[in-house]
Protein backbone atom coordinates (compact mmCIF):
# COMPACT_ATOMS: atom_id res chain seq x y z
CA UNK A 1 -34.04 -18.32 22.59
CA UNK A 2 -34.66 -20.07 19.29
CA UNK A 3 -36.83 -17.49 18.00
CA UNK A 4 -34.08 -14.66 18.11
CA UNK A 5 -31.95 -16.71 15.87
CA UNK A 6 -34.84 -17.22 13.27
CA UNK A 7 -35.77 -13.76 13.64
CA UNK A 8 -32.49 -12.56 13.11
CA UNK A 9 -32.26 -14.35 9.77
CA UNK A 10 -35.47 -13.36 8.55
CA UNK A 11 -34.93 -9.42 9.30
CA UNK A 12 -31.54 -9.59 7.56
CA UNK A 13 -32.17 -11.35 4.26
CA UNK A 14 -35.47 -9.52 3.58
CA UNK A 15 -33.57 -7.08 1.60
CA UNK A 16 -32.11 -9.72 -0.23
CA UNK A 17 -30.44 -7.49 -3.11
CA UNK A 18 -28.22 -5.70 -0.55
CA UNK A 19 -26.36 -8.88 0.03
CA UNK A 20 -26.49 -10.14 -3.44
CA UNK A 21 -22.94 -9.37 -5.37
CA UNK A 22 -24.55 -9.68 -8.91
CA UNK A 23 -28.00 -8.13 -9.19
CA UNK A 24 -29.03 -10.69 -12.05
CA UNK A 25 -28.56 -13.46 -9.38
CA UNK A 26 -31.41 -14.74 -7.21
CA UNK A 27 -34.14 -13.12 -9.20
CA UNK A 28 -36.43 -15.80 -10.28
CA UNK A 29 -38.47 -17.86 -8.14
CA UNK A 30 -37.06 -20.93 -6.93
CA UNK A 31 -37.73 -23.30 -4.24
CA UNK A 32 -34.15 -22.80 -3.21
CA UNK A 33 -34.11 -19.03 -2.45
CA UNK A 34 -31.26 -16.61 -1.30
CA UNK A 35 -32.79 -17.00 1.86
CA UNK A 36 -32.37 -20.98 2.12
CA UNK A 37 -28.86 -20.29 0.85
CA UNK A 38 -28.03 -18.12 3.89
CA UNK A 39 -29.90 -20.26 6.24
CA UNK A 40 -28.00 -23.44 4.68
CA UNK A 41 -24.84 -21.65 5.78
CA UNK A 42 -26.08 -20.45 9.24
CA UNK A 43 -26.92 -24.10 10.36
CA UNK A 44 -24.85 -26.66 8.24
CA UNK A 45 -22.92 -28.92 10.47
CA UNK A 46 -19.66 -28.44 8.81
CA UNK A 47 -18.85 -32.15 7.56
CA UNK A 48 -19.14 -31.70 3.58
CA UNK A 49 -21.31 -29.86 1.23
CA UNK A 50 -22.82 -33.12 -0.20
CA UNK A 51 -23.39 -34.50 3.51
CA UNK A 52 -24.72 -31.00 4.84
CA UNK A 53 -27.25 -30.47 1.92
CA UNK A 54 -28.82 -33.74 2.15
CA UNK A 55 -29.17 -33.32 6.16
CA UNK A 56 -30.58 -29.94 5.40
CA UNK A 57 -33.18 -31.21 3.01
CA UNK A 58 -33.94 -34.08 5.29
CA UNK A 59 -34.58 -31.74 8.34
CA UNK A 60 -37.38 -29.82 6.32
CA UNK A 61 -40.27 -32.12 7.42
CA UNK A 62 -42.49 -29.85 4.96
CA UNK A 63 -40.87 -31.10 1.89
CA UNK A 64 -40.80 -27.64 0.60
CA UNK A 65 -37.10 -27.24 -0.24
CA UNK A 66 -35.94 -28.71 -3.68
CA UNK A 67 -32.78 -30.93 -3.77
CA UNK A 68 -29.84 -29.13 -5.23
CA UNK A 69 -26.26 -30.46 -5.81
CA UNK A 70 -23.19 -29.47 -4.30
CA UNK A 71 -21.98 -28.05 -7.78
CA UNK A 72 -25.08 -25.58 -7.98
CA UNK A 73 -24.25 -24.60 -4.21
CA UNK A 74 -20.74 -23.80 -5.19
CA UNK A 75 -21.87 -22.01 -8.38
CA UNK A 76 -24.44 -19.77 -6.55
CA UNK A 77 -22.57 -19.19 -3.40
CA UNK A 78 -20.02 -16.75 -4.62
CA UNK A 79 -22.71 -14.28 -5.43
CA UNK A 80 -23.60 -13.99 -1.67
CA UNK A 81 -21.87 -11.02 0.18
CA UNK A 82 -20.22 -12.75 3.37
CA UNK A 83 -21.16 -9.64 5.31
CA UNK A 84 -24.74 -11.13 5.58
CA UNK A 85 -23.56 -13.37 8.12
CA UNK A 86 -22.00 -10.53 10.19
CA UNK A 87 -25.36 -8.61 10.18
CA UNK A 88 -27.35 -11.33 11.10
CA UNK A 89 -24.88 -11.87 14.24
CA UNK A 90 -25.26 -8.28 15.05
CA UNK A 91 -28.91 -8.63 14.71
CA UNK A 92 -29.12 -11.56 16.98
CA UNK A 93 -27.21 -9.63 19.34
CA UNK A 94 -29.46 -6.65 19.53
CA UNK A 95 -32.67 -8.99 19.51
CA UNK A 96 -31.33 -10.62 22.98
CA UNK A 97 -30.84 -7.21 24.41
CA UNK A 98 -27.34 -7.09 24.57
CA UNK A 99 -26.89 -3.36 23.06
CA UNK A 100 -29.00 -2.13 26.14
CA UNK A 101 -28.47 -2.23 29.87
CA UNK A 102 -29.46 -5.73 30.73
CA UNK A 103 -28.65 -7.64 34.02
CA UNK A 104 -28.67 -11.07 32.53
CA UNK A 105 -25.23 -10.10 30.75
CA UNK A 106 -22.49 -9.64 33.09
CA UNK A 107 -20.25 -6.66 33.97
CA UNK A 108 -17.43 -5.62 36.31
CA UNK A 109 -18.55 -2.60 38.49
CA UNK A 110 -21.04 -1.36 35.83
CA UNK A 111 -18.71 -2.03 32.80
CA UNK A 112 -18.67 -4.39 29.98
CA UNK A 113 -15.11 -5.61 29.22
CA UNK A 114 -14.00 -6.20 25.89
CA UNK A 115 -10.80 -7.78 24.70
CA UNK A 116 -9.26 -6.79 21.20
CA UNK A 117 -6.81 -9.28 19.54
CA UNK A 118 -5.81 -11.09 16.29
CA UNK A 119 -4.97 -14.59 15.25
CA UNK A 120 -3.61 -16.60 12.52
CA UNK A 121 -6.06 -18.89 10.72
CA UNK A 122 -5.09 -21.68 8.57
CA UNK A 123 -6.90 -21.39 5.17
CA UNK A 124 -6.63 -24.13 2.28
CA UNK A 125 -3.03 -24.33 0.41
CA UNK A 126 -4.08 -23.68 -3.25
CA UNK A 127 -2.45 -21.24 -5.53
CA UNK A 128 -5.60 -19.53 -6.03
CA UNK A 129 -6.06 -18.89 -2.23
CA UNK A 130 -2.47 -17.91 -1.64
CA UNK A 131 -2.80 -15.47 -4.47
CA UNK A 132 -6.02 -13.79 -3.11
CA UNK A 133 -4.45 -13.55 0.28
CA UNK A 134 -1.36 -12.20 -0.78
CA UNK A 135 0.84 -15.09 0.09
CA UNK A 136 4.20 -14.58 -1.61
CA UNK A 137 6.89 -17.40 -1.39
CA UNK A 138 10.80 -16.66 -1.68
CA UNK A 139 13.00 -18.86 -3.52
CA UNK A 140 14.21 -20.70 -0.80
CA UNK A 141 11.09 -20.62 1.56
CA UNK A 142 7.32 -21.42 1.05
CA UNK A 143 5.58 -19.53 3.35
CA UNK A 144 2.47 -20.98 5.24
CA UNK A 145 -1.19 -20.53 4.01
CA UNK A 146 -2.64 -18.19 6.82
CA UNK A 147 -4.94 -15.37 7.08
CA UNK A 148 -5.00 -12.61 9.70
CA UNK A 149 -8.44 -12.50 11.92
CA UNK A 150 -8.88 -9.66 13.84
CA UNK A 151 -11.90 -9.34 16.38
CA UNK A 152 -13.11 -7.66 19.54
CA UNK A 153 -15.02 -9.86 22.13
CA UNK A 154 -16.89 -9.78 25.34
CA UNK A 155 -14.53 -11.22 27.89
CA UNK A 156 -17.27 -11.88 30.43
CA UNK A 157 -19.98 -13.29 28.23
CA UNK A 158 -17.86 -14.70 25.57
CA UNK A 159 -19.65 -12.90 22.39
CA UNK A 160 -17.81 -11.76 19.25
CA UNK A 161 -18.74 -8.29 18.42
CA UNK A 162 -16.82 -8.10 15.20
CA UNK A 163 -14.41 -10.02 13.33
CA UNK A 164 -12.47 -9.31 10.15
CA UNK A 165 -10.58 -11.66 7.86
CA UNK A 166 -7.33 -9.74 6.27
CA UNK A 167 -4.09 -10.91 4.57
CA UNK A 168 -1.57 -12.80 6.65
CA UNK A 169 0.93 -9.82 7.08
CA UNK A 170 -1.59 -7.38 7.10
CA UNK A 171 -1.24 -4.98 10.36
CA UNK A 172 -3.33 -5.71 13.25
CA UNK A 173 -3.81 -2.00 14.42
CA UNK A 174 -5.69 -1.00 11.13
CA UNK A 175 -7.94 -4.00 11.38
CA UNK A 176 -8.86 -3.21 15.04
CA UNK A 177 -9.82 0.48 13.96
CA UNK A 178 -12.42 -1.08 11.66
CA UNK A 179 -13.46 -3.30 14.44
CA UNK A 180 -14.19 -0.47 16.60
CA UNK A 181 -16.04 1.59 13.99
CA UNK A 182 -18.28 -1.83 13.40
CA UNK A 183 -19.22 -2.25 16.83
CA UNK A 184 -20.82 1.16 17.91
CA UNK A 185 -24.38 0.13 17.77
CA UNK A 186 -23.51 -2.74 19.86
CA UNK A 187 -22.14 -1.07 22.78
CA UNK A 188 -22.93 1.71 25.57
CA UNK A 189 -19.54 3.41 25.06
CA UNK A 190 -19.37 5.33 28.40
CA UNK A 191 -19.92 1.89 30.13
CA UNK A 192 -17.29 0.00 27.99
CA UNK A 193 -13.60 -0.87 28.85
CA UNK A 194 -11.11 -2.14 26.06
CA UNK A 195 -8.25 -4.28 26.93
CA UNK A 196 -5.18 -4.97 24.99
CA UNK A 197 -1.88 -6.65 24.87
CA UNK A 198 1.53 -5.30 24.20
CA UNK A 199 0.92 -5.34 20.43
CA UNK A 200 -1.68 -2.34 20.72
CA UNK A 201 0.47 0.32 22.03
CA UNK A 202 -0.58 3.02 19.73
CA UNK A 203 -1.57 6.85 20.45
CA UNK A 204 -4.07 6.53 17.55
CA UNK A 205 -5.82 3.57 19.43
CA UNK A 206 -6.05 5.32 22.75
CA UNK A 207 -7.49 8.83 21.09
CA UNK A 208 -9.80 6.61 18.96
CA UNK A 209 -11.52 4.89 22.07
CA UNK A 210 -11.27 8.23 24.06
CA UNK A 211 -13.37 10.10 21.23
CA UNK A 212 -16.24 7.46 21.49
CA UNK A 213 -16.13 8.26 25.60
CA UNK A 214 -14.87 4.69 26.05
CA UNK A 215 -12.08 3.57 28.28
CA UNK A 216 -9.04 1.36 27.57
CA UNK A 217 -6.52 -0.91 29.43
CA UNK A 218 -3.26 -1.50 27.20
CA UNK A 219 -0.11 -3.41 28.54
CA UNK A 220 2.98 -1.49 27.59
CA UNK A 221 6.25 -2.91 26.01
CA UNK A 222 9.32 -2.63 28.21
CA UNK A 223 10.59 0.53 26.05
CA UNK A 224 7.29 2.09 25.34
CA UNK A 225 7.09 5.84 26.33
CA UNK A 226 10.44 5.39 28.18
CA UNK A 227 11.43 8.99 28.49
CA UNK A 228 7.80 9.80 30.15
CA UNK A 229 8.12 6.79 32.29
CA UNK A 230 11.36 7.72 33.36
CA UNK A 231 10.38 10.42 35.94
CA UNK A 232 7.47 8.22 37.38
CA UNK A 233 8.59 6.75 40.92
CA UNK A 234 5.20 5.39 42.01
CA UNK A 235 3.18 2.15 40.93
CA UNK A 236 0.24 4.15 40.45
CA UNK A 237 0.45 7.60 38.91
CA UNK A 238 -0.76 10.08 36.24
CA UNK A 239 1.68 10.31 33.18
CA UNK A 240 1.55 12.96 30.50
CA UNK A 241 2.64 11.31 27.01
CA UNK A 242 3.70 14.09 24.58
CA UNK A 243 1.88 14.25 21.18
CA UNK A 244 5.22 14.74 19.35
CA UNK A 245 4.85 15.44 15.39
CA UNK A 246 6.67 11.56 14.75
CA UNK A 247 3.79 10.25 17.03
CA UNK A 248 1.02 12.52 15.34
CA UNK A 249 2.36 11.51 11.97
CA UNK A 250 1.61 7.87 12.23
CA UNK A 251 -2.20 8.61 12.65
CA UNK A 252 -4.32 7.65 9.87
CA UNK A 253 -7.72 9.05 10.87
CA UNK A 254 -7.57 12.47 9.44
CA UNK A 255 -10.21 13.90 11.87
CA UNK A 256 -8.26 12.44 14.96
CA UNK A 257 -5.06 13.87 13.45
CA UNK A 258 -6.46 17.23 13.04
CA UNK A 259 -8.00 17.37 16.84
CA UNK A 260 -4.85 15.95 18.28
CA UNK A 261 -2.02 18.07 16.16
CA UNK A 262 -3.46 21.04 18.77
CA UNK A 263 -2.86 18.96 21.76
CA UNK A 264 0.63 19.08 23.59
CA UNK A 265 0.13 15.62 25.45
CA UNK A 266 -2.36 12.92 26.82
CA UNK A 267 -3.18 12.83 30.44
CA UNK A 268 -3.20 9.13 31.27
CA UNK A 269 -2.93 6.71 34.25
CA UNK A 270 0.08 4.27 34.66
CA UNK A 271 0.18 1.49 36.83
CA UNK A 272 3.05 -1.01 37.66
CA UNK A 273 1.52 -4.58 38.46
CA UNK A 274 3.55 -7.17 40.47
CA UNK A 275 2.74 -10.96 39.04
CA UNK A 276 2.57 -13.93 41.38
CA UNK A 277 5.74 -14.99 39.85
CA UNK A 278 7.73 -12.03 40.87
CA UNK A 279 7.91 -10.25 37.56
CA UNK A 280 6.20 -6.93 36.95
CA UNK A 281 3.96 -5.61 33.85
CA UNK A 282 2.90 -1.85 33.14
CA UNK A 283 -0.45 -1.05 32.25
CA UNK A 284 -1.74 2.12 30.70
CA UNK A 285 -5.23 3.51 30.91
CA UNK A 286 -7.54 6.46 30.78
CA UNK A 287 -9.67 5.38 33.78
CA UNK A 288 -8.65 7.82 36.74
CA UNK A 289 -11.85 6.45 39.01
CA UNK A 290 -9.76 5.64 42.22
CA UNK A 291 -12.72 3.03 42.65
CA UNK A 292 -10.16 0.89 40.26
CA UNK A 293 -7.12 0.01 42.36
CA UNK A 294 -4.05 -1.69 41.42
CA UNK A 295 -5.62 -5.01 42.27
CA UNK A 296 -8.60 -4.08 40.04
CA UNK A 297 -6.28 -3.56 36.99
CA UNK A 298 -4.45 -6.74 37.60
CA UNK A 299 -7.67 -8.60 37.54
CA UNK A 300 -9.05 -7.02 34.56
CA UNK A 301 -5.87 -7.84 32.45
CA UNK A 302 -5.73 -11.07 33.46
CA UNK A 303 -9.41 -11.70 32.35
CA UNK A 304 -8.10 -10.64 28.91
CA UNK A 305 -7.09 -14.46 28.49
CA UNK A 306 -10.75 -15.14 27.66
CA UNK A 307 -10.21 -14.06 24.14
CA UNK A 308 -7.32 -16.95 23.93
CA UNK A 309 -9.91 -19.48 25.24
CA UNK A 310 -12.64 -18.19 22.93
CA UNK A 311 -10.35 -18.49 19.98
CA UNK A 312 -9.58 -21.86 21.24
CA UNK A 313 -13.45 -22.87 21.37
CA UNK A 314 -13.87 -21.57 17.87
CA UNK A 315 -10.96 -23.56 16.52
CA UNK A 316 -11.43 -26.72 18.02
CA UNK A 317 -15.12 -26.89 18.75
CA UNK A 318 -16.70 -25.21 15.96
CA UNK A 319 -13.76 -26.19 13.50
CA UNK A 320 -13.58 -22.54 12.14
CA UNK A 321 -10.72 -23.51 10.02
CA UNK A 322 -12.53 -26.30 8.17
CA UNK A 323 -13.49 -24.73 4.90
CA UNK A 324 -16.03 -25.81 2.36
CA UNK A 325 -14.60 -23.50 -0.77
CA UNK A 326 -11.28 -22.46 -2.25
CA UNK A 327 -11.97 -19.01 -2.86
CA UNK A 328 -11.31 -15.80 -0.62
CA UNK A 329 -15.31 -15.11 -0.76
CA UNK A 330 -16.20 -18.46 0.36
CA UNK A 331 -13.36 -18.47 2.84
CA UNK A 332 -15.05 -15.36 4.38
CA UNK A 333 -18.38 -17.07 4.10
CA UNK A 334 -17.31 -19.84 6.50
CA UNK A 335 -15.53 -18.06 8.76
CA UNK A 336 -18.54 -15.41 9.25
CA UNK A 337 -20.98 -18.01 9.29
CA UNK A 338 -19.25 -19.79 11.87
CA UNK A 339 -18.76 -16.77 14.41
CA UNK A 340 -22.54 -16.19 14.14
CA UNK A 341 -23.01 -19.90 15.20
CA UNK A 342 -20.41 -19.19 18.03
CA UNK A 343 -22.52 -16.54 19.28
CA UNK A 344 -25.56 -18.53 19.21
CA UNK A 345 -23.92 -21.23 20.88
CA UNK A 346 -22.54 -18.88 23.63
CA UNK A 347 -25.94 -17.28 24.37
CA UNK A 348 -27.26 -21.03 25.10
CA UNK A 349 -24.26 -21.62 27.14
CA UNK A 350 -24.66 -18.52 29.32
CA UNK A 351 -28.27 -19.41 29.76
CA UNK A 352 -27.93 -23.05 30.35
CA UNK A 353 -25.04 -22.33 32.94
CA UNK A 354 -27.42 -19.90 34.72
CA UNK A 355 -30.06 -22.67 34.94
CA UNK A 356 -27.71 -25.21 35.65
CA UNK A 357 -26.36 -23.19 38.83
CA UNK A 358 -29.78 -22.23 39.95
CA UNK A 359 -30.80 -25.78 40.10
CA UNK A 360 -27.83 -27.08 41.86
CA UNK A 361 -28.29 -24.44 44.44
CA UNK A 362 -31.86 -25.58 45.15
CA UNK A 363 -30.13 -29.07 45.90
CA UNK A 364 -27.72 -27.53 48.28
CA UNK A 365 -24.84 -28.02 46.02
CA UNK A 366 -21.85 -25.67 46.16
CA UNK A 367 -19.33 -24.51 43.58
CA UNK A 368 -19.83 -23.55 40.03
CA UNK A 369 -21.30 -25.76 37.63
CA UNK A 370 -21.02 -25.45 33.39
CA UNK A 371 -22.75 -27.22 30.74
CA UNK A 372 -20.70 -29.52 28.69
CA UNK A 373 -19.81 -27.43 25.63
CA UNK A 374 -18.92 -30.37 23.31
CA UNK A 375 -22.43 -31.75 23.98
CA UNK A 376 -24.25 -28.40 23.79
CA UNK A 377 -22.54 -27.72 20.32
CA UNK A 378 -23.52 -31.36 19.04
CA UNK A 379 -26.93 -30.79 20.00
CA UNK A 380 -27.58 -27.40 18.67
CA UNK A 381 -25.99 -28.61 15.35
CA UNK A 382 -28.87 -31.22 15.47
CA UNK A 383 -31.94 -29.40 16.54
CA UNK A 384 -31.48 -25.95 15.34
CA UNK A 385 -31.84 -26.71 11.52
CA UNK A 386 -35.05 -28.73 12.48
CA UNK A 387 -36.30 -25.95 14.38
CA UNK A 388 -35.24 -23.42 11.61
CA UNK A 389 -37.00 -25.22 8.96
CA UNK A 390 -40.15 -26.38 10.72
CA UNK A 391 -41.02 -23.50 13.07
CA UNK A 392 -44.28 -24.99 14.11
CA UNK A 393 -45.03 -24.58 18.13
CA UNK A 394 -45.15 -28.29 18.41
CA UNK A 395 -41.57 -28.64 17.28
CA UNK A 396 -40.02 -25.92 18.76
CA UNK A 397 -41.70 -26.96 21.99
CA UNK A 398 -40.67 -30.26 21.75
CA UNK A 399 -36.93 -29.79 20.61
CA UNK A 400 -36.39 -26.89 23.09
CA UNK A 401 -37.62 -28.96 25.79
CA UNK A 402 -35.26 -32.07 24.71
CA UNK A 403 -32.39 -29.59 24.41
CA UNK A 404 -32.75 -28.46 28.02
CA UNK A 405 -33.00 -31.78 29.61
CA UNK A 406 -30.01 -33.26 27.68
CA UNK A 407 -27.71 -30.30 28.26
CA UNK A 408 -28.61 -29.87 31.97
CA UNK A 409 -28.88 -33.14 33.35
CA UNK A 410 -25.14 -33.88 33.72
CA UNK A 411 -23.30 -30.78 34.01
CA UNK A 412 -19.44 -30.30 34.64
CA UNK A 413 -18.18 -28.90 37.82
CA UNK A 414 -15.64 -26.04 37.60
CA UNK A 415 -12.65 -26.87 39.69
CA UNK A 416 -9.92 -24.34 40.14
CA UNK A 417 -6.66 -25.32 38.19
CA UNK A 418 -3.85 -26.13 40.55
CA UNK A 419 -0.51 -24.32 40.03
CA UNK A 420 2.45 -26.34 40.09
CA UNK A 421 5.81 -24.50 40.60
CA UNK A 422 8.24 -25.21 37.87
CA UNK A 423 11.72 -26.14 38.53
CA UNK A 424 13.49 -24.86 35.30
CA UNK A 425 16.43 -27.26 34.09
CA UNK A 426 19.75 -25.50 34.32
CA UNK A 427 20.99 -24.39 30.96
CA UNK A 428 23.88 -26.63 29.62
CA UNK A 429 27.44 -25.14 29.21
CA UNK A 430 28.08 -27.35 26.15
CA UNK A 431 26.20 -28.97 23.30
CA UNK A 432 25.14 -32.77 24.40
CA UNK A 433 26.17 -33.85 20.96
CA UNK A 434 29.62 -32.16 21.18
CA UNK A 435 32.71 -34.88 20.89
CA UNK A 436 36.06 -33.43 21.09
CA UNK A 437 38.61 -33.98 18.35
């Protein structure tokens, strides 16, 4: 498994000039090359630049690396295109066979499930950063230093297929269209279902997904397409959504706009799902296969919650909001390199979970077991730099064996969370601090 990570780095950084912003940089021979800089950000431990540099040099047992200062690192890194880390991540997924039919990766009735969503990331609160991300204060209010992160994740296997960092107030839909364009070589379109929440009610998004022969499920707002929904009497029915001039006018993609200007409506499927608390939610989809019943759509939409747990792992386990620079380009480098690390971690986690449960079944133990996330991340941060910098068969064999033994000997047993019925307090009819005069 380690070889995929090293090969992904080697394959992408070979044409180094493609990811160097200034063609005059990284030209002369140096013991700390462009590849070394990129590798450093791929495997650093996320403490401080100085501490990470010292660890990186110490992890090189061959002593081939030249010691550099954090000032030199800060000076050179601004000439590294952050997209190099996204390309390494995509190459890693290709090398592990993710873009092909592969039984190692989980599916739902033969489909891969993807969740699209955005999250607000805290960024360093410096004037230069605020200016770069378009954060403008008002006379009475200083806005928080935040950026928008839009991504598409595999809900069953945990991988981030694509992520884009944008300005805090940037609209999520244009970013999601970019996400979709960026993942075409990683998915099997006709076996892909994209699941969205209420923030993605948009005709152009539906048509974009349909144009690549994929499927979508989106939760509707209460007032979305209210005229068309008025005539629907069943919980599972076809619906024709009119392609009015006002709706077509909102399209930004010229080819999609031209194509659907000729159409009168979109023929879709609408479902009303009853939740456990008695409330209902409405889903819109282009999946007409009757093998997918209402209970399936309820389960599928609930799986979208996986994207929230993935964001939690990135923020609280991998510390994706811990930055090592104060410029837009360095913030992008930190975020994109960490979601690369997240994909590597996720692949190891999936593999170890499979290995652990197979071992537990042989022992006659029932239930679902999982590797300890925090322990696995800690060990990967320790072992991966050593294996990357010293790729000898003996070192790789030794550290891989240590990693497997360490991460599989004490797994966590997954237990179903108990749901407690809430007893909401009655709303007071008066202010508790009110004093009659």
